[in-house]
Amino acid sequence: MDFRDLAQGALSVLMESLGQPVTYRPASGGSISLRGVFNSAHRLVDLGESAPVSSLSSSLGIQLSDLPVPPSQGDQATLDDVTYGVVDIQLDGQGGALLILGKP
C-alpha cells in the first residue's frame, strides 16, 4: 500500500465523520449526492485607498473519487438549501480538492 492509498483512506474517514450531505451538479449535467466539509469565514479585503472591508469566503472540501468527472468552474453545490457556484478548484495532490464557492 502506497502513500496515496493511505491518504485516500484517511480522506474517506474524514468525509464520513465531518462531512455533511451535498448535492453536486457538474456544469456538464446530472446530479451527485456526496459528503463534503463546508467552511465559511470572514476575510478582510483591502480595496486600496479605503478601509478594508469584510467579505464572506466559502469553501467545500471534497474527495475527488466521489465525482464522475473532475470539478470545474461553473459547477454547483447545494448545502442546507443554499446553492453555491464553484469559482476555483484547489487540488491537494492526494485525491482531495478544496472548492472555492460563490453565489451562482
PDB file of N, CA and C in Angstrom:
ATOM      1  N   MET A   1       0.852  -1.178   0.000  1.00  0.00           N
ATOM      2  CA  MET A   1       0.000   0.000   0.000  1.00  0.00           C
ATOM      3  C   MET A   1       0.896   1.239   0.000  1.00  0.00           C
ATOM      4  N   ASP A   2       0.638   2.158  -0.943  1.00  0.00           N
ATOM      5  CA  ASP A   2       1.470   3.356  -1.022  1.00  0.00           C
ATOM      6  C   ASP A   2       0.803   4.527  -0.282  1.00  0.00           C
ATOM      7  N   PHE A   3       1.506   5.642  -0.261  1.00  0.00           N
ATOM      8  CA  PHE A   3       1.031   6.807   0.487  1.00  0.00           C
ATOM      9  C   PHE A   3      -0.309   7.309  -0.043  1.00  0.00           C
ATOM     10  N   ARG A   4      -0.483   7.299  -1.369  1.00  0.00           N
ATOM     11  CA  ARG A   4      -1.744   7.785  -1.953  1.00  0.00           C
ATOM     12  C   ARG A   4      -2.930   6.949  -1.460  1.00  0.00           C
ATOM     13  N   ASP A   5      -2.751   5.624  -1.364  1.00  0.00           N
ATOM     14  CA  ASP A   5      -3.826   4.756  -0.851  1.00  0.00           C
ATOM     15  C   ASP A   5      -4.150   5.098   0.609  1.00  0.00           C
ATOM     16  N   LEU A   6      -3.110   5.341   1.403  1.00  0.00           N
ATOM     17  CA  LEU A   6      -3.324   5.721   2.801  1.00  0.00           C
ATOM     18  C   LEU A   6      -4.049   7.060   2.898  1.00  0.00           C
ATOM     19  N   ALA A   7      -3.656   8.011   2.056  1.00  0.00           N
ATOM     20  CA  ALA A   7      -4.290   9.329   2.058  1.00  0.00           C
ATOM     21  C   ALA A   7      -5.764   9.214   1.662  1.00  0.00           C
ATOM     22  N   GLN A   8      -6.060   8.385   0.668  1.00  0.00           N
ATOM     23  CA  GLN A   8      -7.449   8.181   0.241  1.00  0.00           C
ATOM     24  C   GLN A   8      -8.291   7.590   1.372  1.00  0.00           C
ATOM     25  N   GLY A   9      -7.718   6.614   2.085  1.00  0.00           N
ATOM     26  CA  GLY A   9      -8.429   6.005   3.211  1.00  0.00           C
ATOM     27  C   GLY A   9      -8.709   7.013   4.308  1.00  0.00           C
ATOM     28  N   ALA A  10      -7.721   7.837   4.624  1.00  0.00           N
ATOM     29  CA  ALA A  10      -7.892   8.861   5.656  1.00  0.00           C
ATOM     30  C   ALA A  10      -8.930   9.894   5.228  1.00  0.00           C
ATOM     31  N   LEU A  11      -8.904  10.271   3.954  1.00  0.00           N
ATOM     32  CA  LEU A  11      -9.862  11.244   3.444  1.00  0.00           C
ATOM     33  C   LEU A  11     -11.285  10.684   3.487  1.00  0.00           C
ATOM     34  N   SER A  12     -11.441   9.408   3.194  1.00  0.00           N
ATOM     35  CA  SER A  12     -12.764   8.772   3.270  1.00  0.00           C
ATOM     36  C   SER A  12     -13.316   8.820   4.691  1.00  0.00           C
ATOM     37  N   VAL A  13     -12.460   8.529   5.670  1.00  0.00           N
ATOM     38  CA  VAL A  13     -12.886   8.573   7.073  1.00  0.00           C
ATOM     39  C   VAL A  13     -13.252  10.006   7.465  1.00  0.00           C
ATOM     40  N   LEU A  14     -12.464  10.969   7.044  1.00  0.00           N
ATOM     41  CA  LEU A  14     -12.736  12.373   7.337  1.00  0.00           C
ATOM     42  C   LEU A  14     -14.084  12.800   6.769  1.00  0.00           C
ATOM     43  N   MET A  15     -14.344  12.465   5.521  1.00  0.00           N
ATOM     44  CA  MET A  15     -15.604  12.864   4.897  1.00  0.00           C
ATOM     45  C   MET A  15     -16.802  12.223   5.594  1.00  0.00           C
ATOM     46  N   GLU A  16     -16.655  10.963   5.980  1.00  0.00           N
ATOM     47  CA  GLU A  16     -17.745  10.276   6.661  1.00  0.00           C
ATOM     48  C   GLU A  16     -17.981  10.868   8.049  1.00  0.00           C
ATOM     49  N   SER A  17     -16.902  11.259   8.730  1.00  0.00           N
ATOM     50  CA  SER A  17     -17.006  11.767  10.101  1.00  0.00           C
ATOM     51  C   SER A  17     -17.424  13.234  10.162  1.00  0.00           C
ATOM     52  N   LEU A  18     -16.811  14.071   9.347  1.00  0.00           N
ATOM     53  CA  LEU A  18     -17.001  15.517   9.448  1.00  0.00           C
ATOM     54  C   LEU A  18     -17.812  16.126   8.314  1.00  0.00           C
ATOM     55  N   GLY A  19     -17.977  15.374   7.245  1.00  0.00           N
ATOM     56  CA  GLY A  19     -18.677  15.903   6.079  1.00  0.00           C
ATOM     57  C   GLY A  19     -20.167  16.015   6.302  1.00  0.00           C
ATOM     58  N   GLN A  20     -20.787  16.844   5.484  1.00  0.00           N
ATOM     59  CA  GLN A  20     -22.236  16.987   5.508  1.00  0.00           C
ATOM     60  C   GLN A  20     -22.755  16.679   4.109  1.00  0.00           C
ATOM     61  N   PRO A  21     -24.043  16.332   3.994  1.00  0.00           N
ATOM     62  CA  PRO A  21     -24.599  16.000   2.680  1.00  0.00           C
ATOM     63  C   PRO A  21     -24.550  17.191   1.720  1.00  0.00           C
ATOM     64  N   VAL A  22     -24.154  16.898   0.489  1.00  0.00           N
ATOM     65  CA  VAL A  22     -24.045  17.906  -0.564  1.00  0.00           C
ATOM     66  C   VAL A  22     -24.685  17.342  -1.828  1.00  0.00           C
ATOM     67  N   THR A  23     -25.434  18.159  -2.517  1.00  0.00           N
ATOM     68  CA  THR A  23     -25.881  17.811  -3.860  1.00  0.00           C
ATOM     69  C   THR A  23     -24.991  18.579  -4.818  1.00  0.00           C
ATOM     70  N   TYR A  24     -24.260  17.845  -5.646  1.00  0.00           N
ATOM     71  CA  TYR A  24     -23.268  18.451  -6.545  1.00  0.00           C
ATOM     72  C   TYR A  24     -23.773  18.316  -7.976  1.00  0.00           C
ATOM     73  N   ARG A  25     -23.773  19.441  -8.712  1.00  0.00           N
ATOM     74  CA  ARG A  25     -24.217  19.427 -10.090  1.00  0.00           C
ATOM     75  C   ARG A  25     -23.102  19.917 -11.016  1.00  0.00           C
ATOM     76  N   PRO A  26     -22.468  18.978 -11.736  1.00  0.00           N
ATOM     77  CA  PRO A  26     -21.460  19.397 -12.712  1.00  0.00           C
ATOM     78  C   PRO A  26     -22.108  20.243 -13.813  1.00  0.00           C
ATOM     79  N   ALA A  27     -21.357  21.167 -14.368  1.00  0.00           N
ATOM     80  CA  ALA A  27     -21.859  22.006 -15.459  1.00  0.00           C
ATOM     81  C   ALA A  27     -22.251  21.148 -16.661  1.00  0.00           C
ATOM     82  N   SER A  28     -21.653  19.962 -16.778  1.00  0.00           N
ATOM     83  CA  SER A  28     -21.951  19.071 -17.897  1.00  0.00           C
ATOM     84  C   SER A  28     -23.298  18.373 -17.740  1.00  0.00           C
ATOM     85  N   GLY A  29     -23.926  18.487 -16.567  1.00  0.00           N
ATOM     86  CA  GLY A  29     -25.243  17.903 -16.347  1.00  0.00           C
ATOM     87  C   GLY A  29     -25.234  16.811 -15.298  1.00  0.00           C
ATOM     88  N   GLY A  30     -26.405  16.485 -14.809  1.00  0.00           N
ATOM     89  CA  GLY A  30     -26.547  15.442 -13.802  1.00  0.00           C
ATOM     90  C   GLY A  30     -26.456  16.003 -12.393  1.00  0.00           C
ATOM     91  N   SER A  31     -26.575  15.104 -11.441  1.00  0.00           N
ATOM     92  CA  SER A  31     -26.558  15.466 -10.030  1.00  0.00           C
ATOM     93  C   SER A  31     -25.951  14.316  -9.241  1.00  0.00           C
ATOM     94  N   ILE A  32     -25.104  14.625  -8.269  1.00  0.00           N
ATOM     95  CA  ILE A  32     -24.430  13.619  -7.453  1.00  0.00           C
ATOM     96  C   ILE A  32     -24.639  13.959  -5.987  1.00  0.00           C
ATOM     97  N   SER A  33     -24.947  12.959  -5.180  1.00  0.00           N
ATOM     98  CA  SER A  33     -25.004  13.139  -3.731  1.00  0.00           C
ATOM     99  C   SER A  33     -23.664  12.693  -3.158  1.00  0.00           C
ATOM    100  N   LEU A  34     -23.051  13.555  -2.365  1.00  0.00           N
ATOM    101  CA  LEU A  34     -21.770  13.232  -1.741  1.00  0.00           C
ATOM    102  C   LEU A  34     -21.690  13.914  -0.388  1.00  0.00           C
ATOM    103  N   ARG A  35     -20.570  13.730   0.278  1.00  0.00           N
ATOM    104  CA  ARG A  35     -20.327  14.410   1.558  1.00  0.00           C
ATOM    105  C   ARG A  35     -19.123  15.320   1.374  1.00  0.00           C
ATOM    106  N   GLY A  36     -19.201  16.499   1.998  1.00  0.00           N
ATOM    107  CA  GLY A  36     -18.111  17.449   1.910  1.00  0.00           C
ATOM    108  C   GLY A  36     -17.983  18.234   3.198  1.00  0.00           C
ATOM    109  N   VAL A  37     -16.816  18.810   3.401  1.00  0.00           N
ATOM    110  CA  VAL A  37     -16.559  19.630   4.587  1.00  0.00           C
ATOM    111  C   VAL A  37     -16.661  21.091   4.168  1.00  0.00           C
ATOM    112  N   PHE A  38     -17.714  21.750   4.669  1.00  0.00           N
ATOM    113  CA  PHE A  38     -18.010  23.135   4.322  1.00  0.00           C
ATOM    114  C   PHE A  38     -17.379  24.084   5.323  1.00  0.00           C
ATOM    115  N   ASN A  39     -16.899  25.212   4.823  1.00  0.00           N
ATOM    116  CA  ASN A  39     -16.351  26.249   5.685  1.00  0.00           C
ATOM    117  C   ASN A  39     -16.759  27.602   5.120  1.00  0.00           C
ATOM    118  N   SER A  40     -17.121  28.501   5.998  1.00  0.00           N
ATOM    119  CA  SER A  40     -17.455  29.861   5.604  1.00  0.00           C
ATOM    120  C   SER A  40     -16.827  30.795   6.630  1.00  0.00           C
ATOM    121  N   ALA A  41     -15.927  31.644   6.177  1.00  0.00           N
ATOM    122  CA  ALA A  41     -15.188  32.505   7.097  1.00  0.00           C
ATOM    123  C   ALA A  41     -15.123  33.930   6.549  1.00  0.00           C
ATOM    124  N   HIS A  42     -15.082  34.876   7.462  1.00  0.00           N
ATOM    125  CA  HIS A  42     -14.902  36.275   7.071  1.00  0.00           C
ATOM    126  C   HIS A  42     -13.425  36.529   6.784  1.00  0.00           C
ATOM    127  N   ARG A  43     -13.181  37.280   5.719  1.00  0.00           N
ATOM    128  CA  ARG A  43     -11.819  37.666   5.352  1.00  0.00           C
ATOM    129  C   ARG A  43     -11.812  39.169   5.075  1.00  0.00           C
ATOM    130  N   LEU A  44     -10.722  39.811   5.468  1.00  0.00           N
ATOM    131  CA  LEU A  44     -10.577  41.230   5.163  1.00  0.00           C
ATOM    132  C   LEU A  44     -10.110  41.386   3.726  1.00  0.00           C
ATOM    133  N   VAL A  45     -10.752  42.301   3.006  1.00  0.00           N
ATOM    134  CA  VAL A  45     -10.384  42.595   1.626  1.00  0.00           C
ATOM    135  C   VAL A  45      -9.918  44.036   1.582  1.00  0.00           C
ATOM    136  N   ASP A  46      -8.680  44.232   1.150  1.00  0.00           N
ATOM    137  CA  ASP A  46      -8.111  45.572   1.058  1.00  0.00           C
ATOM    138  C   ASP A  46      -8.446  46.141  -0.319  1.00  0.00           C
ATOM    139  N   LEU A  47      -9.199  47.233  -0.334  1.00  0.00           N
ATOM    140  CA  LEU A  47      -9.604  47.847  -1.593  1.00  0.00           C
ATOM    141  C   LEU A  47      -8.693  48.996  -2.000  1.00  0.00           C
ATOM    142  N   GLY A  48      -7.552  49.092  -1.377  1.00  0.00           N
ATOM    143  CA  GLY A  48      -6.601  50.129  -1.748  1.00  0.00           C
ATOM    144  C   GLY A  48      -6.677  51.327  -0.842  1.00  0.00           C
ATOM    145  N   GLU A  49      -7.251  52.413  -1.337  1.00  0.00           N
ATOM    146  CA  GLU A  49      -7.250  53.666  -0.605  1.00  0.00           C
ATOM    147  C   GLU A  49      -8.261  53.714   0.532  1.00  0.00           C
ATOM    148  N   SER A  50      -9.304  52.911   0.469  1.00  0.00           N
ATOM    149  CA  SER A  50     -10.313  52.948   1.529  1.00  0.00           C
ATOM    150  C   SER A  50      -9.979  51.904   2.599  1.00  0.00           C
ATOM    151  N   ALA A  51     -10.730  51.930   3.661  1.00  0.00           N
ATOM    152  CA  ALA A  51     -10.530  50.967   4.750  1.00  0.00           C
ATOM    153  C   ALA A  51     -10.886  49.563   4.262  1.00  0.00           C
ATOM    154  N   PRO A  52     -10.233  48.545   4.798  1.00  0.00           N
ATOM    155  CA  PRO A  52     -10.565  47.166   4.411  1.00  0.00           C
ATOM    156  C   PRO A  52     -12.020  46.846   4.752  1.00  0.00           C
ATOM    157  N   VAL A  53     -12.613  45.976   3.956  1.00  0.00           N
ATOM    158  CA  VAL A  53     -13.979  45.522   4.223  1.00  0.00           C
ATOM    159  C   VAL A  53     -13.944  44.025   4.478  1.00  0.00           C
ATOM    160  N   SER A  54     -14.964  43.548   5.162  1.00  0.00           N
ATOM    161  CA  SER A  54     -15.069  42.130   5.465  1.00  0.00           C
ATOM    162  C   SER A  54     -15.900  41.447   4.382  1.00  0.00           C
ATOM    163  N   SER A  55     -15.407  40.321   3.908  1.00  0.00           N
ATOM    164  CA  SER A  55     -16.115  39.550   2.897  1.00  0.00           C
ATOM    165  C   SER A  55     -16.233  38.112   3.376  1.00  0.00           C
ATOM    166  N   LEU A  56     -17.343  37.465   3.075  1.00  0.00           N
ATOM    167  CA  LEU A  56     -17.542  36.074   3.453  1.00  0.00           C
ATOM    168  C   LEU A  56     -16.979  35.183   2.355  1.00  0.00           C
ATOM    169  N   SER A  57     -16.093  34.276   2.728  1.00  0.00           N
ATOM    170  CA  SER A  57     -15.466  33.357   1.788  1.00  0.00           C
ATOM    171  C   SER A  57     -15.865  31.938   2.157  1.00  0.00           C
ATOM    172  N   SER A  58     -16.509  31.228   1.224  1.00  0.00           N
ATOM    173  CA  SER A  58     -16.981  29.879   1.487  1.00  0.00           C
ATOM    174  C   SER A  58     -16.190  28.877   0.662  1.00  0.00           C
ATOM    175  N   SER A  59     -15.985  27.683   1.244  1.00  0.00           N
ATOM    176  CA  SER A  59     -15.267  26.627   0.539  1.00  0.00           C
ATOM    177  C   SER A  59     -15.856  25.271   0.915  1.00  0.00           C
ATOM    178  N   LEU A  60     -15.556  24.289   0.085  1.00  0.00           N
ATOM    179  CA  LEU A  60     -16.038  22.933   0.298  1.00  0.00           C
ATOM    180  C   LEU A  60     -14.915  21.956  -0.006  1.00  0.00           C
ATOM    181  N   GLY A  61     -14.530  21.174   0.994  1.00  0.00           N
ATOM    182  CA  GLY A  61     -13.540  20.125   0.793  1.00  0.00           C
ATOM    183  C   GLY A  61     -14.245  18.854   0.350  1.00  0.00           C
ATOM    184  N   ILE A  62     -13.756  18.246  -0.738  1.00  0.00           N
ATOM    185  CA  ILE A  62     -14.380  17.032  -1.261  1.00  0.00           C
ATOM    186  C   ILE A  62     -13.324  15.980  -1.571  1.00  0.00           C
ATOM    187  N   GLN A  63     -13.791  14.761  -1.760  1.00  0.00           N
ATOM    188  CA  GLN A  63     -12.942  13.666  -2.222  1.00  0.00           C
ATOM    189  C   GLN A  63     -13.224  13.514  -3.719  1.00  0.00           C
ATOM    190  N   LEU A  64     -12.194  13.653  -4.548  1.00  0.00           N
ATOM    191  CA  LEU A  64     -12.378  13.653  -5.993  1.00  0.00           C
ATOM    192  C   LEU A  64     -12.992  12.359  -6.518  1.00  0.00           C
ATOM    193  N   SER A  65     -12.728  11.245  -5.845  1.00  0.00           N
ATOM    194  CA  SER A  65     -13.272   9.964  -6.310  1.00  0.00           C
ATOM    195  C   SER A  65     -14.796   9.901  -6.182  1.00  0.00           C
ATOM    196  N   ASP A  66     -15.416  10.862  -5.471  1.00  0.00           N
ATOM    197  CA  ASP A  66     -16.870  10.911  -5.366  1.00  0.00           C
ATOM    198  C   ASP A  66     -17.529  11.483  -6.620  1.00  0.00           C
ATOM    199  N   LEU A  67     -16.727  12.098  -7.488  1.00  0.00           N
ATOM    200  CA  LEU A  67     -17.270  12.729  -8.693  1.00  0.00           C
ATOM    201  C   LEU A  67     -16.975  11.887  -9.930  1.00  0.00           C
ATOM    202  N   PRO A  68     -17.935  11.820 -10.876  1.00  0.00           N
ATOM    203  CA  PRO A  68     -17.693  11.068 -12.109  1.00  0.00           C
ATOM    204  C   PRO A  68     -16.786  11.813 -13.090  1.00  0.00           C
ATOM    205  N   VAL A  69     -16.693  13.133 -12.935  1.00  0.00           N
ATOM    206  CA  VAL A  69     -15.827  13.980 -13.763  1.00  0.00           C
ATOM    207  C   VAL A  69     -15.096  14.947 -12.841  1.00  0.00           C
ATOM    208  N   PRO A  70     -13.928  15.444 -13.235  1.00  0.00           N
ATOM    209  CA  PRO A  70     -13.226  16.422 -12.391  1.00  0.00           C
ATOM    210  C   PRO A  70     -14.082  17.676 -12.187  1.00  0.00           C
ATOM    211  N   PRO A  71     -13.963  18.302 -11.024  1.00  0.00           N
ATOM    212  CA  PRO A  71     -14.725  19.537 -10.799  1.00  0.00           C
ATOM    213  C   PRO A  71     -14.239  20.641 -11.726  1.00  0.00           C
ATOM    214  N   SER A  72     -15.145  21.569 -12.041  1.00  0.00           N
ATOM    215  CA  SER A  72     -14.765  22.697 -12.887  1.00  0.00           C
ATOM    216  C   SER A  72     -15.546  23.936 -12.487  1.00  0.00           C
ATOM    217  N   GLN A  73     -15.030  25.086 -12.895  1.00  0.00           N
ATOM    218  CA  GLN A  73     -15.741  26.329 -12.638  1.00  0.00           C
ATOM    219  C   GLN A  73     -17.100  26.247 -13.320  1.00  0.00           C
ATOM    220  N   GLY A  74     -18.115  26.724 -12.634  1.00  0.00           N
ATOM    221  CA  GLY A  74     -19.459  26.670 -13.176  1.00  0.00           C
ATOM    222  C   GLY A  74     -20.283  25.524 -12.611  1.00  0.00           C
ATOM    223  N   ASP A  75     -19.620  24.540 -11.977  1.00  0.00           N
ATOM    224  CA  ASP A  75     -20.362  23.504 -11.267  1.00  0.00           C
ATOM    225  C   ASP A  75     -21.098  24.157 -10.108  1.00  0.00           C
ATOM    226  N   GLN A  76     -22.080  23.441  -9.546  1.00  0.00           N
ATOM    227  CA  GLN A  76     -22.822  23.982  -8.413  1.00  0.00           C
ATOM    228  C   GLN A  76     -22.882  22.957  -7.284  1.00  0.00           C
ATOM    229  N   ALA A  77     -22.914  23.456  -6.055  1.00  0.00           N
ATOM    230  CA  ALA A  77     -23.046  22.618  -4.867  1.00  0.00           C
ATOM    231  C   ALA A  77     -24.143  23.207  -3.990  1.00  0.00           C
ATOM    232  N   THR A  78     -25.062  22.339  -3.539  1.00  0.00           N
ATOM    233  CA  THR A  78     -26.144  22.777  -2.667  1.00  0.00           C
ATOM    234  C   THR A  78     -25.981  22.130  -1.305  1.00  0.00           C
ATOM    235  N   LEU A  79     -25.942  22.960  -0.264  1.00  0.00           N
ATOM    236  CA  LEU A  79     -25.824  22.523   1.124  1.00  0.00           C
ATOM    237  C   LEU A  79     -26.865  23.266   1.937  1.00  0.00           C
ATOM    238  N   ASP A  80     -27.615  22.580   2.751  1.00  0.00           N
ATOM    239  CA  ASP A  80     -28.620  23.220   3.607  1.00  0.00           C
ATOM    240  C   ASP A  80     -29.506  24.181   2.823  1.00  0.00           C
ATOM    241  N   ASP A  81     -29.950  23.757   1.647  1.00  0.00           N
ATOM    242  CA  ASP A  81     -30.859  24.537   0.793  1.00  0.00           C
ATOM    243  C   ASP A  81     -30.248  25.823   0.241  1.00  0.00           C
ATOM    244  N   VAL A  82     -28.932  25.972   0.281  1.00  0.00           N
ATOM    245  CA  VAL A  82     -28.250  27.124  -0.310  1.00  0.00           C
ATOM    246  C   VAL A  82     -27.377  26.606  -1.444  1.00  0.00           C
ATOM    247  N   THR A  83     -27.517  27.201  -2.630  1.00  0.00           N
ATOM    248  CA  THR A  83     -26.740  26.781  -3.796  1.00  0.00           C
ATOM    249  C   THR A  83     -25.585  27.745  -4.022  1.00  0.00           C
ATOM    250  N   TYR A  84     -24.404  27.178  -4.218  1.00  0.00           N
ATOM    251  CA  TYR A  84     -23.177  27.936  -4.477  1.00  0.00           C
ATOM    252  C   TYR A  84     -22.634  27.525  -5.841  1.00  0.00           C
ATOM    253  N   GLY A  85     -21.925  28.431  -6.472  1.00  0.00           N
ATOM    254  CA  GLY A  85     -21.214  28.112  -7.698  1.00  0.00           C
ATOM    255  C   GLY A  85     -19.746  27.880  -7.380  1.00  0.00           C
ATOM    256  N   VAL A  86     -19.117  26.972  -8.101  1.00  0.00           N
ATOM    257  CA  VAL A  86     -17.679  26.726  -7.937  1.00  0.00           C
ATOM    258  C   VAL A  86     -16.934  27.778  -8.745  1.00  0.00           C
ATOM    259  N   VAL A  87     -16.104  28.574  -8.056  1.00  0.00           N
ATOM    260  CA  VAL A  87     -15.355  29.634  -8.725  1.00  0.00           C
ATOM    261  C   VAL A  87     -13.865  29.318  -8.843  1.00  0.00           C
ATOM    262  N   ASP A  88     -13.377  28.372  -8.044  1.00  0.00           N
ATOM    263  CA  ASP A  88     -11.970  27.972  -8.136  1.00  0.00           C
ATOM    264  C   ASP A  88     -11.828  26.565  -7.563  1.00  0.00           C
ATOM    265  N   ILE A  89     -10.866  25.822  -8.077  1.00  0.00           N
ATOM    266  CA  ILE A  89     -10.598  24.461  -7.616  1.00  0.00           C
ATOM    267  C   ILE A  89      -9.136  24.384  -7.203  1.00  0.00           C
ATOM    268  N   GLN A  90      -8.886  23.955  -5.962  1.00  0.00           N
ATOM    269  CA  GLN A  90      -7.529  23.812  -5.449  1.00  0.00           C
ATOM    270  C   GLN A  90      -7.309  22.341  -5.117  1.00  0.00           C
ATOM    271  N   LEU A  91      -6.611  21.634  -6.012  1.00  0.00           N
ATOM    272  CA  LEU A  91      -6.334  20.216  -5.814  1.00  0.00           C
ATOM    273  C   LEU A  91      -5.252  20.047  -4.761  1.00  0.00           C
ATOM    274  N   ASP A  92      -5.387  19.013  -3.924  1.00  0.00           N
ATOM    275  CA  ASP A  92      -4.381  18.805  -2.878  1.00  0.00           C
ATOM    276  C   ASP A  92      -3.310  17.794  -3.284  1.00  0.00           C
ATOM    277  N   GLY A  93      -3.449  17.162  -4.441  1.00  0.00           N
ATOM    278  CA  GLY A  93      -2.451  16.208  -4.910  1.00  0.00           C
ATOM    279  C   GLY A  93      -2.572  14.835  -4.264  1.00  0.00           C
ATOM    280  N   GLN A  94      -3.539  14.644  -3.373  1.00  0.00           N
ATOM    281  CA  GLN A  94      -3.710  13.375  -2.670  1.00  0.00           C
ATOM    282  C   GLN A  94      -5.127  12.818  -2.828  1.00  0.00           C
ATOM    283  N   GLY A  95      -5.854  13.298  -3.839  1.00  0.00           N
ATOM    284  CA  GLY A  95      -7.196  12.792  -4.078  1.00  0.00           C
ATOM    285  C   GLY A  95      -8.309  13.653  -3.542  1.00  0.00           C
ATOM    286  N   GLY A  96      -7.977  14.806  -3.000  1.00  0.00           N
ATOM    287  CA  GLY A  96      -8.990  15.719  -2.487  1.00  0.00           C
ATOM    288  C   GLY A  96      -8.886  17.062  -3.194  1.00  0.00           C
ATOM    289  N   ALA A  97      -9.878  17.890  -2.975  1.00  0.00           N
ATOM    290  CA  ALA A  97      -9.859  19.241  -3.549  1.00  0.00           C
ATOM    291  C   ALA A  97     -10.620  20.183  -2.627  1.00  0.00           C
ATOM    292  N   LEU A  98     -10.177  21.431  -2.621  1.00  0.00           N
ATOM    293  CA  LEU A  98     -10.891  22.500  -1.930  1.00  0.00           C
ATOM    294  C   LEU A  98     -11.556  23.317  -3.021  1.00  0.00           C
ATOM    295  N   LEU A  99     -12.882  23.346  -3.002  1.00  0.00           N
ATOM    296  CA  LEU A  99     -13.639  24.122  -3.967  1.00  0.00           C
ATOM    297  C   LEU A  99     -13.977  25.471  -3.355  1.00  0.00           C
ATOM    298  N   ILE A 100     -13.563  26.542  -3.995  1.00  0.00           N
ATOM    299  CA  ILE A 100     -13.888  27.891  -3.547  1.00  0.00           C
ATOM    300  C   ILE A 100     -15.255  28.223  -4.133  1.00  0.00           C
ATOM    301  N   LEU A 101     -16.170  28.615  -3.252  1.00  0.00           N
ATOM    302  CA  LEU A 101     -17.569  28.789  -3.640  1.00  0.00           C
ATOM    303  C   LEU A 101     -17.971  30.253  -3.673  1.00  0.00           C
ATOM    304  N   GLY A 102     -18.917  30.552  -4.524  1.00  0.00           N
ATOM    305  CA  GLY A 102     -19.525  31.873  -4.597  1.00  0.00           C
ATOM    306  C   GLY A 102     -20.990  31.706  -4.947  1.00  0.00           C
ATOM    307  N   LYS A 103     -21.717  32.776  -4.969  1.00  0.00           N
ATOM    308  CA  LYS A 103     -23.116  32.712  -5.347  1.00  0.00           C
ATOM    309  C   LYS A 103     -23.193  32.563  -6.871  1.00  0.00           C
ATOM    310  N   PRO A 104     -24.059  31.628  -7.343  1.00  0.00           N
ATOM    311  CA  PRO A 104     -24.142  31.416  -8.817  1.00  0.00           C
ATOM    312  C   PRO A 104     -24.804  32.579  -9.521  1.00  0.00           C
TER     313      PRO A 104
END
